[in-house]
């Protein structure tokens, strides 16, 4: 689902995954959502984004986390 919306190019934002055709990173979208911004607020701040692109960023992040090793927070904080 996210494949047409997400791209990674070493010459754009140091290769971080971005919304295709923009310099808006998946990371930025996740940070804004985590900070409590609504989808409408993010769309207003970034007119080139679409709701589908934001959902694609979430799907991409979920897919990446499925294949990543995740350490319990308690272990990291020690």
C-alpha atoms as a PDB file:
ATOM      1  CA  UNK A   1       0.000   0.000   0.000  1.00  0.00           C
ATOM      2  CA  UNK A   2       2.736   2.462   0.898  1.00  0.00           C
ATOM      3  CA  UNK A   3       5.071   1.649  -1.993  1.00  0.00           C
ATOM      4  CA  UNK A   4       3.890   4.391  -4.338  1.00  0.00           C
ATOM      5  CA  UNK A   5       4.042   7.031  -1.595  1.00  0.00           C
ATOM      6  CA  UNK A   6       7.364   6.319   0.122  1.00  0.00           C
ATOM      7  CA  UNK A   7      10.787   6.627  -1.458  1.00  0.00           C
ATOM      8  CA  UNK A   8      14.369   6.693  -0.254  1.00  0.00           C
ATOM      9  CA  UNK A   9      17.138   8.397  -2.201  1.00  0.00           C
ATOM     10  CA  UNK A  10      20.627   9.046  -0.810  1.00  0.00           C
ATOM     11  CA  UNK A  11      20.560  12.562  -2.280  1.00  0.00           C
ATOM     12  CA  UNK A  12      17.286  13.496  -0.529  1.00  0.00           C
ATOM     13  CA  UNK A  13      17.292  13.958   3.250  1.00  0.00           C
ATOM     14  CA  UNK A  14      20.371  11.705   3.567  1.00  0.00           C
ATOM     15  CA  UNK A  15      18.394   8.713   2.305  1.00  0.00           C
ATOM     16  CA  UNK A  16      15.703   8.814   4.978  1.00  0.00           C
ATOM     17  CA  UNK A  17      12.310   7.560   3.776  1.00  0.00           C
ATOM     18  CA  UNK A  18      10.245  10.492   2.509  1.00  0.00           C
ATOM     19  CA  UNK A  19       6.875  11.033   0.917  1.00  0.00           C
ATOM     20  CA  UNK A  20       7.531  10.681  -2.818  1.00  0.00           C
ATOM     21  CA  UNK A  21       8.285  13.974  -4.511  1.00  0.00           C
ATOM     22  CA  UNK A  22       8.801  15.843  -1.231  1.00  0.00           C
ATOM     23  CA  UNK A  23      11.386  16.293   1.492  1.00  0.00           C
ATOM     24  CA  UNK A  24       8.832  15.385   4.157  1.00  0.00           C
ATOM     25  CA  UNK A  25      10.219  12.422   6.068  1.00  0.00           C
ATOM     26  CA  UNK A  26       8.260   9.531   7.513  1.00  0.00           C
ATOM     27  CA  UNK A  27      10.059  10.385  10.747  1.00  0.00           C
ATOM     28  CA  UNK A  28       8.614  13.918  10.777  1.00  0.00           C
ATOM     29  CA  UNK A  29       5.079  12.623  10.257  1.00  0.00           C
ATOM     30  CA  UNK A  30       5.477  10.112  13.094  1.00  0.00           C
ATOM     31  CA  UNK A  31       6.899  12.789  15.398  1.00  0.00           C
ATOM     32  CA  UNK A  32       4.021  15.141  14.662  1.00  0.00           C
ATOM     33  CA  UNK A  33       1.419  12.447  15.298  1.00  0.00           C
ATOM     34  CA  UNK A  34       3.200  11.410  18.509  1.00  0.00           C
ATOM     35  CA  UNK A  35       3.171  15.038  19.648  1.00  0.00           C
ATOM     36  CA  UNK A  36      -0.611  15.009  19.386  1.00  0.00           C
ATOM     37  CA  UNK A  37      -1.102  16.788  16.090  1.00  0.00           C
ATOM     38  CA  UNK A  38      -4.142  15.662  14.171  1.00  0.00           C
ATOM     39  CA  UNK A  39      -4.043  14.510  10.581  1.00  0.00           C
ATOM     40  CA  UNK A  40      -5.852  17.727   9.649  1.00  0.00           C
ATOM     41  CA  UNK A  41      -3.163  19.846  11.344  1.00  0.00           C
ATOM     42  CA  UNK A  42      -0.398  17.981   9.538  1.00  0.00           C
ATOM     43  CA  UNK A  43      -2.180  18.354   6.203  1.00  0.00           C
ATOM     44  CA  UNK A  44      -2.641  22.089   6.823  1.00  0.00           C
ATOM     45  CA  UNK A  45       1.048  22.507   7.656  1.00  0.00           C
ATOM     46  CA  UNK A  46       2.199  20.504   4.628  1.00  0.00           C
ATOM     47  CA  UNK A  47      -0.136  21.210   1.678  1.00  0.00           C
ATOM     48  CA  UNK A  48       1.666  18.701  -0.567  1.00  0.00           C
ATOM     49  CA  UNK A  49       0.697  15.831   1.727  1.00  0.00           C
ATOM     50  CA  UNK A  50      -2.462  13.793   1.384  1.00  0.00           C
ATOM     51  CA  UNK A  51      -4.277  11.655   3.904  1.00  0.00           C
ATOM     52  CA  UNK A  52      -3.225   8.606   1.874  1.00  0.00           C
ATOM     53  CA  UNK A  53       0.434   9.640   2.138  1.00  0.00           C
ATOM     54  CA  UNK A  54       0.187   9.965   5.927  1.00  0.00           C
ATOM     55  CA  UNK A  55      -1.422   6.530   6.156  1.00  0.00           C
ATOM     56  CA  UNK A  56       1.334   5.180   3.894  1.00  0.00           C
ATOM     57  CA  UNK A  57       3.953   6.599   6.275  1.00  0.00           C
ATOM     58  CA  UNK A  58       2.278   4.753   9.155  1.00  0.00           C
ATOM     59  CA  UNK A  59       2.084   1.519   7.160  1.00  0.00           C
ATOM     60  CA  UNK A  60       5.746   1.862   6.184  1.00  0.00           C
ATOM     61  CA  UNK A  61       6.794   2.395   9.809  1.00  0.00           C
ATOM     62  CA  UNK A  62       4.776  -0.625  10.927  1.00  0.00           C
ATOM     63  CA  UNK A  63       6.365  -2.782   8.242  1.00  0.00           C
ATOM     64  CA  UNK A  64       9.869  -1.659   9.175  1.00  0.00           C
ATOM     65  CA  UNK A  65       9.253  -2.393  12.843  1.00  0.00           C
ATOM     66  CA  UNK A  66       8.063  -5.903  12.028  1.00  0.00           C
ATOM     67  CA  UNK A  67      11.509  -6.776  10.733  1.00  0.00           C
ATOM     68  CA  UNK A  68      13.488  -4.872  13.361  1.00  0.00           C
ATOM     69  CA  UNK A  69      14.777  -6.075  16.706  1.00  0.00           C
ATOM     70  CA  UNK A  70      12.982  -4.200  19.461  1.00  0.00           C
ATOM     71  CA  UNK A  71      14.462  -3.952  22.935  1.00  0.00           C
ATOM     72  CA  UNK A  72      12.269  -3.421  25.996  1.00  0.00           C
ATOM     73  CA  UNK A  73      12.413   0.184  27.217  1.00  0.00           C
ATOM     74  CA  UNK A  74      13.408  -0.942  30.740  1.00  0.00           C
ATOM     75  CA  UNK A  75      16.609  -2.432  29.329  1.00  0.00           C
ATOM     76  CA  UNK A  76      17.523   0.757  27.473  1.00  0.00           C
ATOM     77  CA  UNK A  77      16.969   3.031  30.478  1.00  0.00           C
ATOM     78  CA  UNK A  78      19.281   1.122  32.835  1.00  0.00           C
END
